[in-house]
């Protein structure tokens, strides 16, 4: 993975606005839980519709390999063909821009395991991106060096308070989420920014809940 500035060229927006998909198919979760496919989804979200050749160029892989991953994502409903195909060059665009699934005692064990694997892939990728940013931080202009950063707090919260914290964080991001699917709304000096919202207990609970929360990635 290499840090790169987003192209000034405005990609065509997908057909629909931001769409959250509730995944109940374990095969779909397993298909998405692959580092290259997560990277492809993020790439298309940033750059707009891409062909297999363009995807391969971005990720330093063969067009055939990129095509395999693109078609796998399309088979399970994460991508679809975009308008503008020329001969065998078919651009692909996002169908879903966010994903959620259920982790609860009543959920199939296979779905829970596949969801856990997807979260590991997403977290590992995000941590790798953070490390690369820190390694290259001095290459950014001073205003971006001031803007980017990390914070680490330890606080005591109840489950309801933690849910409220997550909901409040999501609400802060809401005004900017339309820029994901509508490039025309992105300011000229905007860059793709990875925002991590990770909050979890570091102590074992004294009692468990019967109903598990929904998970998302």
N, C-alpha and C. Protein backbone atom coordinates (compact mmCIF):
# COMPACT_ATOMS: atom_id res chain seq x y z
N UNK A 1 0.85 -1.20 0.00
CA UNK A 1 0.00 0.00 0.00
C UNK A 1 0.88 1.23 0.00
N UNK A 2 0.55 2.19 -0.83
CA UNK A 2 1.32 3.42 -0.89
C UNK A 2 0.42 4.61 -0.66
N UNK A 3 0.94 5.58 0.07
CA UNK A 3 0.19 6.82 0.27
C UNK A 3 0.17 7.60 -1.03
N UNK A 4 -0.98 8.12 -1.40
CA UNK A 4 -1.06 8.89 -2.63
C UNK A 4 -2.13 9.96 -2.49
N UNK A 5 -1.94 11.03 -3.19
CA UNK A 5 -2.94 12.09 -3.18
C UNK A 5 -4.05 11.76 -4.15
N UNK A 6 -5.27 12.09 -3.76
CA UNK A 6 -6.40 11.84 -4.64
C UNK A 6 -6.28 12.66 -5.91
N UNK A 7 -6.63 12.06 -7.02
CA UNK A 7 -6.58 12.75 -8.31
C UNK A 7 -7.55 13.92 -8.32
N UNK A 8 -7.15 14.98 -8.99
CA UNK A 8 -8.03 16.14 -9.13
C UNK A 8 -9.21 15.84 -10.06
N UNK A 9 -9.05 14.84 -10.88
CA UNK A 9 -10.13 14.50 -11.81
C UNK A 9 -11.32 13.97 -11.03
N UNK A 10 -12.50 14.49 -11.32
CA UNK A 10 -13.69 14.10 -10.59
C UNK A 10 -14.27 12.82 -11.17
N UNK A 11 -14.28 11.69 -10.42
CA UNK A 11 -14.90 10.48 -10.95
C UNK A 11 -16.42 10.60 -10.96
N UNK A 12 -17.05 9.83 -11.82
CA UNK A 12 -18.50 9.85 -11.89
C UNK A 12 -19.07 9.22 -10.63
N UNK A 13 -20.12 9.82 -10.04
CA UNK A 13 -20.68 9.26 -8.82
C UNK A 13 -21.45 7.98 -9.11
N UNK A 14 -21.56 7.08 -8.12
CA UNK A 14 -22.36 5.88 -8.30
C UNK A 14 -23.82 6.23 -8.52
N UNK A 15 -24.61 5.21 -8.88
CA UNK A 15 -26.01 5.46 -9.21
C UNK A 15 -26.81 5.88 -7.98
N UNK A 16 -26.45 5.34 -6.82
CA UNK A 16 -27.22 5.63 -5.61
C UNK A 16 -26.34 6.32 -4.58
N UNK A 17 -26.98 7.00 -3.63
CA UNK A 17 -26.24 7.63 -2.54
C UNK A 17 -25.74 6.55 -1.58
N UNK A 18 -25.09 7.00 -0.52
CA UNK A 18 -24.53 6.07 0.45
C UNK A 18 -25.58 5.05 0.86
N UNK A 19 -25.20 3.77 0.81
CA UNK A 19 -26.15 2.71 1.09
C UNK A 19 -25.53 1.71 2.05
N UNK A 20 -26.23 1.46 3.16
CA UNK A 20 -25.78 0.50 4.15
C UNK A 20 -26.45 -0.84 3.87
N UNK A 21 -25.64 -1.87 3.76
CA UNK A 21 -26.16 -3.20 3.47
C UNK A 21 -26.12 -4.07 4.72
N UNK A 22 -27.24 -4.68 5.04
CA UNK A 22 -27.32 -5.63 6.15
C UNK A 22 -27.03 -7.02 5.58
N UNK A 23 -25.90 -7.60 5.96
CA UNK A 23 -25.47 -8.87 5.39
C UNK A 23 -25.91 -10.03 6.27
N UNK A 24 -26.67 -10.95 5.68
CA UNK A 24 -27.10 -12.15 6.39
C UNK A 24 -26.52 -13.41 5.76
N UNK A 25 -25.82 -13.26 4.65
CA UNK A 25 -25.25 -14.39 3.91
C UNK A 25 -23.79 -14.57 4.32
N UNK A 26 -23.49 -15.70 4.95
CA UNK A 26 -22.12 -15.94 5.42
C UNK A 26 -21.14 -15.98 4.26
N UNK A 27 -21.60 -16.45 3.09
CA UNK A 27 -20.71 -16.51 1.93
C UNK A 27 -20.30 -15.11 1.49
N UNK A 28 -21.22 -14.16 1.58
CA UNK A 28 -20.90 -12.78 1.21
C UNK A 28 -19.88 -12.19 2.18
N UNK A 29 -20.07 -12.44 3.47
CA UNK A 29 -19.11 -11.93 4.46
C UNK A 29 -17.73 -12.52 4.23
N UNK A 30 -17.68 -13.83 3.96
CA UNK A 30 -16.40 -14.47 3.72
C UNK A 30 -15.73 -13.91 2.47
N UNK A 31 -16.54 -13.63 1.45
CA UNK A 31 -15.98 -13.08 0.21
C UNK A 31 -15.37 -11.70 0.45
N UNK A 32 -16.01 -10.91 1.30
CA UNK A 32 -15.51 -9.57 1.57
C UNK A 32 -14.31 -9.58 2.50
N UNK A 33 -14.22 -10.61 3.36
CA UNK A 33 -13.17 -10.67 4.37
C UNK A 33 -11.84 -11.11 3.77
N UNK A 34 -11.36 -10.34 2.83
CA UNK A 34 -10.11 -10.62 2.14
C UNK A 34 -9.36 -9.29 2.02
N UNK A 35 -8.11 -9.22 2.42
CA UNK A 35 -7.41 -7.92 2.42
C UNK A 35 -7.44 -7.20 1.08
N UNK A 36 -7.28 -7.93 -0.02
CA UNK A 36 -7.26 -7.28 -1.33
C UNK A 36 -8.64 -6.73 -1.68
N UNK A 37 -9.69 -7.46 -1.32
CA UNK A 37 -11.05 -7.00 -1.66
C UNK A 37 -11.45 -5.80 -0.81
N UNK A 38 -11.04 -5.78 0.45
CA UNK A 38 -11.28 -4.59 1.27
C UNK A 38 -10.55 -3.39 0.68
N UNK A 39 -9.33 -3.62 0.22
CA UNK A 39 -8.55 -2.54 -0.40
C UNK A 39 -9.21 -2.05 -1.69
N UNK A 40 -9.75 -2.98 -2.48
CA UNK A 40 -10.43 -2.60 -3.72
C UNK A 40 -11.68 -1.79 -3.42
N UNK A 41 -12.46 -2.20 -2.44
CA UNK A 41 -13.67 -1.45 -2.08
C UNK A 41 -13.30 -0.03 -1.67
N UNK A 42 -12.25 0.11 -0.88
CA UNK A 42 -11.82 1.43 -0.44
C UNK A 42 -11.28 2.26 -1.60
N UNK A 43 -10.58 1.61 -2.51
CA UNK A 43 -10.03 2.29 -3.68
C UNK A 43 -11.15 2.85 -4.56
N UNK A 44 -12.17 2.05 -4.84
CA UNK A 44 -13.26 2.49 -5.69
C UNK A 44 -14.08 3.58 -4.99
N UNK A 45 -14.22 3.48 -3.68
CA UNK A 45 -14.90 4.54 -2.94
C UNK A 45 -14.17 5.86 -3.07
N UNK A 46 -12.84 5.79 -3.16
CA UNK A 46 -12.02 7.01 -3.25
C UNK A 46 -11.91 7.54 -4.67
N UNK A 47 -11.71 6.63 -5.63
CA UNK A 47 -11.40 7.04 -7.00
C UNK A 47 -12.61 7.02 -7.94
N UNK A 48 -13.68 6.34 -7.57
CA UNK A 48 -14.81 6.18 -8.47
C UNK A 48 -14.70 4.91 -9.27
N UNK A 49 -15.60 4.68 -10.22
CA UNK A 49 -15.60 3.44 -11.01
C UNK A 49 -14.25 3.18 -11.67
N UNK A 50 -13.80 1.92 -11.61
CA UNK A 50 -12.52 1.53 -12.17
C UNK A 50 -12.65 0.22 -12.94
N UNK A 51 -11.86 0.08 -13.99
CA UNK A 51 -11.78 -1.19 -14.71
C UNK A 51 -10.77 -2.09 -14.01
N UNK A 52 -10.69 -3.33 -14.46
CA UNK A 52 -9.72 -4.26 -13.89
C UNK A 52 -8.30 -3.76 -14.14
N UNK A 53 -8.06 -3.22 -15.33
CA UNK A 53 -6.72 -2.71 -15.63
C UNK A 53 -6.36 -1.54 -14.73
N UNK A 54 -7.30 -0.61 -14.54
CA UNK A 54 -7.05 0.54 -13.68
C UNK A 54 -6.84 0.10 -12.22
N UNK A 55 -7.65 -0.85 -11.78
CA UNK A 55 -7.51 -1.37 -10.43
C UNK A 55 -6.13 -2.02 -10.24
N UNK A 56 -5.73 -2.82 -11.23
CA UNK A 56 -4.42 -3.44 -11.16
C UNK A 56 -3.29 -2.43 -11.12
N UNK A 57 -3.42 -1.35 -11.90
CA UNK A 57 -2.40 -0.31 -11.90
C UNK A 57 -2.28 0.35 -10.52
N UNK A 58 -3.42 0.61 -9.89
CA UNK A 58 -3.41 1.24 -8.57
C UNK A 58 -2.78 0.33 -7.51
N UNK A 59 -3.06 -0.98 -7.61
CA UNK A 59 -2.67 -1.90 -6.55
C UNK A 59 -1.46 -2.75 -6.92
N UNK A 60 -0.85 -2.45 -8.06
CA UNK A 60 0.34 -3.17 -8.49
C UNK A 60 0.08 -4.67 -8.60
N UNK A 61 -0.95 -5.02 -9.33
CA UNK A 61 -1.28 -6.42 -9.59
C UNK A 61 -1.72 -6.56 -11.03
N UNK A 62 -1.77 -7.77 -11.53
CA UNK A 62 -2.18 -7.99 -12.91
C UNK A 62 -3.66 -7.68 -13.08
N UNK A 63 -4.03 -7.33 -14.30
CA UNK A 63 -5.43 -7.07 -14.60
C UNK A 63 -6.27 -8.32 -14.38
N UNK A 64 -5.69 -9.49 -14.66
CA UNK A 64 -6.42 -10.74 -14.48
C UNK A 64 -6.73 -10.98 -13.00
N UNK A 65 -5.75 -10.72 -12.15
CA UNK A 65 -5.96 -10.89 -10.72
C UNK A 65 -6.98 -9.88 -10.20
N UNK A 66 -6.86 -8.64 -10.64
CA UNK A 66 -7.83 -7.62 -10.24
C UNK A 66 -9.23 -7.99 -10.71
N UNK A 67 -9.34 -8.51 -11.94
CA UNK A 67 -10.63 -8.90 -12.47
C UNK A 67 -11.27 -10.00 -11.63
N UNK A 68 -10.46 -10.95 -11.18
CA UNK A 68 -10.99 -12.03 -10.33
C UNK A 68 -11.62 -11.46 -9.06
N UNK A 69 -10.91 -10.55 -8.40
CA UNK A 69 -11.44 -9.97 -7.16
C UNK A 69 -12.66 -9.09 -7.43
N UNK A 70 -12.63 -8.33 -8.51
CA UNK A 70 -13.78 -7.48 -8.85
C UNK A 70 -15.02 -8.32 -9.11
N UNK A 71 -14.85 -9.40 -9.86
CA UNK A 71 -16.00 -10.26 -10.18
C UNK A 71 -16.50 -11.00 -8.95
N UNK A 72 -15.59 -11.35 -8.04
CA UNK A 72 -16.03 -11.98 -6.80
C UNK A 72 -16.87 -11.01 -5.98
N UNK A 73 -16.42 -9.77 -5.87
CA UNK A 73 -17.20 -8.77 -5.15
C UNK A 73 -18.55 -8.53 -5.82
N UNK A 74 -18.57 -8.55 -7.15
CA UNK A 74 -19.83 -8.36 -7.86
C UNK A 74 -20.76 -9.55 -7.66
N UNK A 75 -20.20 -10.75 -7.62
CA UNK A 75 -21.02 -11.96 -7.46
C UNK A 75 -21.80 -11.91 -6.16
N UNK A 76 -21.22 -11.30 -5.13
CA UNK A 76 -21.89 -11.25 -3.84
C UNK A 76 -22.53 -9.89 -3.57
N UNK A 77 -22.70 -9.09 -4.62
CA UNK A 77 -23.51 -7.88 -4.53
C UNK A 77 -22.85 -6.65 -3.98
N UNK A 78 -21.50 -6.64 -3.91
CA UNK A 78 -20.82 -5.46 -3.39
C UNK A 78 -20.47 -4.46 -4.49
N UNK A 79 -20.30 -4.94 -5.72
CA UNK A 79 -20.00 -4.10 -6.87
C UNK A 79 -20.98 -4.41 -8.00
N UNK A 80 -21.06 -3.48 -8.94
CA UNK A 80 -21.84 -3.69 -10.15
C UNK A 80 -21.15 -2.97 -11.30
N UNK A 81 -21.47 -3.37 -12.52
CA UNK A 81 -20.89 -2.70 -13.68
C UNK A 81 -21.44 -1.29 -13.78
N UNK A 82 -20.55 -0.35 -14.05
CA UNK A 82 -20.94 1.05 -14.20
C UNK A 82 -21.12 1.37 -15.68
N UNK A 83 -21.88 2.40 -16.00
CA UNK A 83 -21.99 2.81 -17.40
C UNK A 83 -20.63 3.23 -17.95
N UNK A 84 -20.48 3.14 -19.26
CA UNK A 84 -19.26 3.61 -19.89
C UNK A 84 -18.32 2.51 -20.33
N UNK A 85 -18.83 1.27 -20.41
CA UNK A 85 -17.97 0.17 -20.87
C UNK A 85 -17.56 0.39 -22.32
N UNK A 86 -16.29 0.12 -22.60
CA UNK A 86 -15.76 0.23 -23.96
C UNK A 86 -15.07 -1.08 -24.32
N UNK A 87 -15.73 -1.86 -25.15
CA UNK A 87 -15.19 -3.15 -25.50
C UNK A 87 -15.15 -4.05 -24.28
N UNK A 88 -13.96 -4.58 -24.00
CA UNK A 88 -13.82 -5.47 -22.85
C UNK A 88 -13.48 -4.70 -21.57
N UNK A 89 -13.28 -3.40 -21.68
CA UNK A 89 -12.95 -2.58 -20.51
C UNK A 89 -14.24 -2.19 -19.80
N UNK A 90 -14.52 -2.85 -18.70
CA UNK A 90 -15.76 -2.62 -17.96
C UNK A 90 -15.45 -1.98 -16.61
N UNK A 91 -15.92 -0.77 -16.38
CA UNK A 91 -15.70 -0.15 -15.07
C UNK A 91 -16.67 -0.73 -14.03
N UNK A 92 -16.22 -0.80 -12.80
CA UNK A 92 -17.03 -1.32 -11.69
C UNK A 92 -17.23 -0.21 -10.66
N UNK A 93 -18.41 -0.18 -10.08
CA UNK A 93 -18.72 0.81 -9.06
C UNK A 93 -19.33 0.13 -7.83
N UNK A 94 -19.35 0.88 -6.73
CA UNK A 94 -19.88 0.35 -5.48
C UNK A 94 -21.40 0.20 -5.54
N UNK A 95 -21.89 -0.86 -4.95
CA UNK A 95 -23.32 -1.00 -4.68
C UNK A 95 -23.59 -0.60 -3.24
N UNK A 96 -22.75 -1.08 -2.33
CA UNK A 96 -22.89 -0.77 -0.91
C UNK A 96 -21.65 -0.02 -0.45
N UNK A 97 -21.85 0.97 0.39
CA UNK A 97 -20.74 1.77 0.90
C UNK A 97 -20.50 1.55 2.38
N UNK A 98 -21.38 0.81 3.02
CA UNK A 98 -21.23 0.46 4.42
C UNK A 98 -21.92 -0.87 4.66
N UNK A 99 -21.50 -1.60 5.67
CA UNK A 99 -22.01 -2.95 5.89
C UNK A 99 -22.26 -3.21 7.36
N UNK A 100 -23.32 -3.95 7.64
CA UNK A 100 -23.63 -4.32 9.00
C UNK A 100 -24.09 -5.77 9.01
N UNK A 101 -23.89 -6.44 10.12
CA UNK A 101 -24.36 -7.81 10.27
C UNK A 101 -24.62 -8.05 11.75
N UNK A 102 -25.28 -9.16 12.06
CA UNK A 102 -25.72 -9.40 13.43
C UNK A 102 -24.79 -10.38 14.13
N UNK A 103 -24.33 -9.99 15.30
CA UNK A 103 -23.56 -10.90 16.15
C UNK A 103 -24.34 -11.06 17.45
N UNK A 104 -24.98 -12.20 17.59
CA UNK A 104 -25.79 -12.48 18.76
C UNK A 104 -25.88 -13.99 18.94
N UNK A 105 -26.23 -14.45 20.15
CA UNK A 105 -26.35 -15.90 20.35
C UNK A 105 -27.28 -16.56 19.34
N UNK A 106 -28.30 -15.83 18.88
CA UNK A 106 -29.26 -16.41 17.94
C UNK A 106 -28.73 -16.43 16.51
N UNK A 107 -27.66 -15.70 16.24
CA UNK A 107 -27.10 -15.66 14.89
C UNK A 107 -26.31 -16.94 14.62
N UNK A 108 -26.29 -17.39 13.36
CA UNK A 108 -25.50 -18.58 13.04
C UNK A 108 -24.03 -18.37 13.40
N UNK A 109 -23.41 -19.41 13.94
CA UNK A 109 -22.01 -19.30 14.36
C UNK A 109 -21.11 -18.94 13.19
N UNK A 110 -21.43 -19.48 11.99
CA UNK A 110 -20.61 -19.21 10.81
C UNK A 110 -20.64 -17.73 10.46
N UNK A 111 -21.80 -17.09 10.62
CA UNK A 111 -21.92 -15.67 10.32
C UNK A 111 -21.09 -14.85 11.30
N UNK A 112 -21.14 -15.21 12.58
CA UNK A 112 -20.36 -14.50 13.58
C UNK A 112 -18.87 -14.63 13.32
N UNK A 113 -18.42 -15.85 12.99
CA UNK A 113 -17.00 -16.07 12.72
C UNK A 113 -16.54 -15.30 11.48
N UNK A 114 -17.38 -15.31 10.44
CA UNK A 114 -17.02 -14.57 9.22
C UNK A 114 -16.97 -13.07 9.49
N UNK A 115 -17.89 -12.59 10.31
CA UNK A 115 -17.88 -11.17 10.67
C UNK A 115 -16.66 -10.79 11.48
N UNK A 116 -16.27 -11.66 12.39
CA UNK A 116 -15.07 -11.39 13.17
C UNK A 116 -13.83 -11.34 12.29
N UNK A 117 -13.76 -12.22 11.29
CA UNK A 117 -12.62 -12.22 10.38
C UNK A 117 -12.60 -10.94 9.55
N UNK A 118 -13.78 -10.49 9.09
CA UNK A 118 -13.84 -9.24 8.33
C UNK A 118 -13.36 -8.07 9.18
N UNK A 119 -13.77 -8.03 10.44
CA UNK A 119 -13.33 -6.94 11.30
C UNK A 119 -11.82 -6.97 11.51
N UNK A 120 -11.26 -8.17 11.64
CA UNK A 120 -9.80 -8.27 11.78
C UNK A 120 -9.10 -7.71 10.54
N UNK A 121 -9.61 -8.06 9.36
CA UNK A 121 -9.01 -7.58 8.11
C UNK A 121 -9.09 -6.05 8.05
N UNK A 122 -10.26 -5.50 8.39
CA UNK A 122 -10.45 -4.05 8.33
C UNK A 122 -9.54 -3.34 9.33
N UNK A 123 -9.46 -3.87 10.56
CA UNK A 123 -8.64 -3.24 11.59
C UNK A 123 -7.15 -3.35 11.23
N UNK A 124 -6.73 -4.53 10.75
CA UNK A 124 -5.33 -4.69 10.36
C UNK A 124 -4.95 -3.70 9.26
N UNK A 125 -5.85 -3.54 8.29
CA UNK A 125 -5.57 -2.59 7.20
C UNK A 125 -5.48 -1.16 7.74
N UNK A 126 -6.41 -0.79 8.61
CA UNK A 126 -6.42 0.57 9.15
C UNK A 126 -5.17 0.84 9.97
N UNK A 127 -4.74 -0.13 10.77
CA UNK A 127 -3.53 0.06 11.57
C UNK A 127 -2.32 0.19 10.66
N UNK A 128 -2.27 -0.60 9.59
CA UNK A 128 -1.18 -0.48 8.63
C UNK A 128 -1.16 0.89 7.97
N UNK A 129 -2.34 1.42 7.64
CA UNK A 129 -2.40 2.75 7.04
C UNK A 129 -1.94 3.82 8.04
N UNK A 130 -2.30 3.65 9.31
CA UNK A 130 -1.87 4.60 10.33
C UNK A 130 -0.35 4.58 10.48
N UNK A 131 0.23 3.39 10.50
CA UNK A 131 1.68 3.29 10.62
C UNK A 131 2.36 3.94 9.42
N UNK A 132 1.79 3.74 8.23
CA UNK A 132 2.41 4.34 7.05
C UNK A 132 2.29 5.86 7.09
N UNK A 133 1.14 6.36 7.56
CA UNK A 133 1.00 7.81 7.70
C UNK A 133 2.06 8.36 8.67
N UNK A 134 2.24 7.70 9.80
CA UNK A 134 3.23 8.17 10.77
C UNK A 134 4.63 8.15 10.18
N UNK A 135 4.92 7.13 9.37
CA UNK A 135 6.24 7.04 8.73
C UNK A 135 6.47 8.17 7.73
N UNK A 136 5.38 8.68 7.11
CA UNK A 136 5.50 9.68 6.05
C UNK A 136 4.91 11.03 6.46
N UNK A 137 4.65 11.20 7.74
CA UNK A 137 3.96 12.41 8.20
C UNK A 137 4.67 13.69 7.78
N UNK A 138 6.00 13.69 7.83
CA UNK A 138 6.74 14.91 7.52
C UNK A 138 6.65 15.27 6.04
N UNK A 139 6.17 14.36 5.20
CA UNK A 139 6.03 14.66 3.77
C UNK A 139 4.78 15.49 3.49
N UNK A 140 3.89 15.58 4.47
CA UNK A 140 2.65 16.35 4.28
C UNK A 140 2.90 17.82 4.57
N UNK A 141 2.12 18.71 3.95
CA UNK A 141 2.20 20.13 4.30
C UNK A 141 1.92 20.35 5.79
N UNK A 142 2.37 21.47 6.31
CA UNK A 142 2.26 21.74 7.74
C UNK A 142 0.82 21.70 8.23
N UNK A 143 -0.14 22.20 7.39
CA UNK A 143 -1.53 22.21 7.86
C UNK A 143 -2.07 20.80 8.02
N UNK A 144 -1.65 19.88 7.13
CA UNK A 144 -2.09 18.49 7.26
C UNK A 144 -1.40 17.81 8.43
N UNK A 145 -0.17 18.18 8.73
CA UNK A 145 0.50 17.62 9.90
C UNK A 145 -0.19 18.04 11.18
N UNK A 146 -0.68 19.28 11.21
CA UNK A 146 -1.41 19.74 12.39
C UNK A 146 -2.77 19.08 12.49
N UNK A 147 -3.41 18.84 11.33
CA UNK A 147 -4.77 18.31 11.33
C UNK A 147 -4.82 16.83 11.70
N UNK A 148 -3.86 16.06 11.19
CA UNK A 148 -3.86 14.63 11.47
C UNK A 148 -3.33 14.35 12.86
N UNK A 149 -3.77 13.24 13.43
CA UNK A 149 -3.28 12.92 14.76
C UNK A 149 -3.99 11.73 15.34
N UNK A 150 -3.55 11.32 16.52
CA UNK A 150 -4.16 10.21 17.24
C UNK A 150 -4.37 10.61 18.70
N UNK A 151 -5.38 10.03 19.31
CA UNK A 151 -5.65 10.26 20.73
C UNK A 151 -5.94 8.92 21.39
N UNK A 152 -5.59 8.79 22.64
CA UNK A 152 -5.82 7.56 23.37
C UNK A 152 -6.30 7.90 24.77
N UNK A 153 -7.53 7.52 25.08
CA UNK A 153 -8.10 7.75 26.41
C UNK A 153 -8.55 6.43 27.02
N UNK A 154 -8.52 6.37 28.33
CA UNK A 154 -9.17 5.27 29.06
C UNK A 154 -10.19 5.88 30.00
N UNK A 155 -11.46 5.50 29.81
CA UNK A 155 -12.54 6.04 30.62
C UNK A 155 -13.41 4.89 31.12
N UNK A 156 -14.25 5.17 32.09
CA UNK A 156 -15.17 4.17 32.61
C UNK A 156 -16.57 4.49 32.10
N UNK A 157 -17.17 3.52 31.39
CA UNK A 157 -18.47 3.72 30.77
C UNK A 157 -19.36 2.51 31.01
N UNK A 158 -20.67 2.75 31.00
CA UNK A 158 -21.63 1.66 30.98
C UNK A 158 -21.85 1.25 29.52
N UNK A 159 -22.46 0.08 29.27
CA UNK A 159 -22.76 -0.29 27.88
C UNK A 159 -23.59 0.76 27.15
N UNK A 160 -24.60 1.32 27.82
CA UNK A 160 -25.44 2.33 27.18
C UNK A 160 -24.63 3.59 26.86
N UNK A 161 -23.74 3.97 27.75
CA UNK A 161 -22.91 5.15 27.50
C UNK A 161 -21.96 4.92 26.33
N UNK A 162 -21.44 3.70 26.21
CA UNK A 162 -20.55 3.39 25.09
C UNK A 162 -21.31 3.44 23.77
N UNK A 163 -22.53 2.93 23.76
CA UNK A 163 -23.37 3.02 22.56
C UNK A 163 -23.63 4.48 22.20
N UNK A 164 -23.93 5.30 23.21
CA UNK A 164 -24.16 6.72 22.97
C UNK A 164 -22.91 7.38 22.40
N UNK A 165 -21.73 6.98 22.89
CA UNK A 165 -20.49 7.53 22.37
C UNK A 165 -20.32 7.19 20.89
N UNK A 166 -20.55 5.93 20.53
CA UNK A 166 -20.45 5.52 19.13
C UNK A 166 -21.46 6.29 18.27
N UNK A 167 -22.69 6.40 18.75
CA UNK A 167 -23.73 7.11 17.98
C UNK A 167 -23.36 8.57 17.80
N UNK A 168 -22.81 9.19 18.84
CA UNK A 168 -22.43 10.59 18.73
C UNK A 168 -21.28 10.79 17.76
N UNK A 169 -20.35 9.86 17.75
CA UNK A 169 -19.23 9.96 16.81
C UNK A 169 -19.73 9.84 15.38
N UNK A 170 -20.64 8.89 15.15
CA UNK A 170 -21.21 8.72 13.81
C UNK A 170 -21.95 9.98 13.37
N UNK A 171 -22.62 10.63 14.31
CA UNK A 171 -23.36 11.85 13.98
C UNK A 171 -22.41 12.97 13.57
N UNK A 172 -21.23 13.03 14.18
CA UNK A 172 -20.24 14.04 13.80
C UNK A 172 -19.78 13.87 12.35
N UNK A 173 -19.70 12.62 11.90
CA UNK A 173 -19.24 12.35 10.54
C UNK A 173 -20.33 12.48 9.49
N UNK A 174 -21.57 12.44 9.91
CA UNK A 174 -22.69 12.40 8.96
C UNK A 174 -22.65 13.50 7.91
N UNK A 175 -22.31 14.77 8.25
CA UNK A 175 -22.31 15.82 7.22
C UNK A 175 -21.32 15.59 6.09
N UNK A 176 -20.32 14.73 6.31
CA UNK A 176 -19.27 14.54 5.31
C UNK A 176 -19.42 13.25 4.51
N UNK A 177 -20.36 12.41 4.88
CA UNK A 177 -20.45 11.09 4.26
C UNK A 177 -20.96 11.14 2.82
N UNK A 178 -21.72 12.16 2.47
CA UNK A 178 -22.21 12.26 1.09
C UNK A 178 -21.07 12.47 0.10
N UNK A 179 -19.94 12.97 0.58
CA UNK A 179 -18.79 13.17 -0.31
C UNK A 179 -18.23 11.85 -0.83
N UNK A 180 -18.56 10.76 -0.17
CA UNK A 180 -18.07 9.45 -0.61
C UNK A 180 -18.65 9.09 -1.97
N UNK A 181 -19.91 9.39 -2.18
CA UNK A 181 -20.57 9.01 -3.43
C UNK A 181 -20.86 10.19 -4.35
N UNK A 182 -20.56 11.40 -3.91
CA UNK A 182 -20.79 12.57 -4.75
C UNK A 182 -19.51 13.40 -4.80
N UNK A 183 -18.59 13.04 -5.68
CA UNK A 183 -17.29 13.73 -5.74
C UNK A 183 -17.40 15.23 -5.96
N UNK A 184 -18.49 15.69 -6.56
CA UNK A 184 -18.64 17.12 -6.82
C UNK A 184 -18.72 17.93 -5.53
N UNK A 185 -19.06 17.26 -4.41
CA UNK A 185 -19.18 17.98 -3.13
C UNK A 185 -17.86 18.03 -2.37
N UNK A 186 -16.81 17.41 -2.89
CA UNK A 186 -15.53 17.39 -2.21
C UNK A 186 -14.79 18.71 -2.47
N UNK A 187 -14.36 19.42 -1.43
CA UNK A 187 -13.55 20.63 -1.65
C UNK A 187 -12.28 20.28 -2.41
N UNK A 188 -11.77 21.27 -3.15
CA UNK A 188 -10.59 21.02 -3.98
C UNK A 188 -9.38 20.60 -3.17
N UNK A 189 -9.29 21.07 -1.92
CA UNK A 189 -8.12 20.72 -1.11
C UNK A 189 -8.38 19.55 -0.16
N UNK A 190 -9.47 18.80 -0.41
CA UNK A 190 -9.79 17.65 0.44
C UNK A 190 -8.96 16.44 0.03
N UNK A 191 -8.56 15.66 1.00
CA UNK A 191 -7.91 14.38 0.79
C UNK A 191 -8.77 13.28 1.41
N UNK A 192 -8.62 12.06 0.93
CA UNK A 192 -9.26 10.93 1.60
C UNK A 192 -8.63 10.76 2.97
N UNK A 193 -9.45 10.72 4.00
CA UNK A 193 -8.98 10.63 5.38
C UNK A 193 -9.58 9.38 6.02
N UNK A 194 -8.74 8.56 6.62
CA UNK A 194 -9.23 7.38 7.35
C UNK A 194 -9.54 7.81 8.78
N UNK A 195 -10.78 7.60 9.20
CA UNK A 195 -11.21 7.93 10.55
C UNK A 195 -11.52 6.61 11.27
N UNK A 196 -10.84 6.37 12.37
CA UNK A 196 -11.06 5.15 13.15
C UNK A 196 -11.91 5.47 14.37
N UNK A 197 -12.97 4.73 14.56
CA UNK A 197 -13.80 4.85 15.76
C UNK A 197 -13.76 3.49 16.46
N UNK A 198 -12.81 3.33 17.36
CA UNK A 198 -12.63 2.06 18.04
C UNK A 198 -12.72 2.31 19.54
N UNK A 199 -13.72 1.74 20.17
CA UNK A 199 -13.88 1.86 21.62
C UNK A 199 -14.36 0.50 22.13
N UNK A 200 -13.66 -0.05 23.08
CA UNK A 200 -13.97 -1.41 23.53
C UNK A 200 -13.54 -1.57 24.98
N UNK A 201 -14.18 -2.48 25.72
CA UNK A 201 -13.79 -2.69 27.12
C UNK A 201 -12.46 -3.42 27.22
N UNK A 202 -11.66 -3.05 28.20
CA UNK A 202 -10.37 -3.69 28.42
C UNK A 202 -10.39 -4.55 29.68
N UNK A 203 -11.57 -4.66 30.31
CA UNK A 203 -11.77 -5.55 31.44
C UNK A 203 -12.83 -6.57 31.08
N UNK A 204 -12.70 -7.78 31.58
CA UNK A 204 -13.73 -8.78 31.35
C UNK A 204 -14.99 -8.39 32.11
N UNK A 205 -16.17 -8.57 31.49
CA UNK A 205 -17.41 -8.21 32.18
C UNK A 205 -17.71 -9.18 33.31
N UNK A 206 -18.48 -8.70 34.27
CA UNK A 206 -18.89 -9.56 35.38
C UNK A 206 -20.12 -10.37 35.03
N UNK A 207 -20.86 -9.90 34.01
CA UNK A 207 -22.04 -10.64 33.54
C UNK A 207 -22.23 -10.33 32.07
N UNK A 208 -22.83 -11.27 31.33
CA UNK A 208 -23.01 -11.10 29.89
C UNK A 208 -24.43 -10.74 29.53
N UNK A 209 -24.57 -10.13 28.37
CA UNK A 209 -25.90 -9.82 27.84
C UNK A 209 -26.35 -10.94 26.93
N UNK A 210 -27.64 -11.17 26.87
CA UNK A 210 -28.18 -12.22 26.01
C UNK A 210 -28.19 -11.81 24.56
N UNK A 211 -28.44 -10.55 24.31
CA UNK A 211 -28.54 -10.07 22.93
C UNK A 211 -27.27 -9.33 22.56
N UNK A 212 -26.65 -9.75 21.47
CA UNK A 212 -25.44 -9.10 21.00
C UNK A 212 -25.77 -7.91 20.12
N UNK A 213 -24.85 -6.98 19.99
CA UNK A 213 -25.08 -5.79 19.17
C UNK A 213 -24.87 -6.09 17.70
N UNK A 214 -25.34 -5.21 16.87
CA UNK A 214 -25.04 -5.30 15.44
C UNK A 214 -23.61 -4.83 15.24
N UNK A 215 -22.94 -5.44 14.28
CA UNK A 215 -21.58 -5.05 13.95
C UNK A 215 -21.56 -4.44 12.58
N UNK A 216 -20.54 -3.64 12.30
CA UNK A 216 -20.46 -3.03 10.99
C UNK A 216 -19.01 -2.82 10.61
N UNK A 217 -18.82 -2.64 9.31
CA UNK A 217 -17.50 -2.35 8.78
C UNK A 217 -17.66 -1.54 7.51
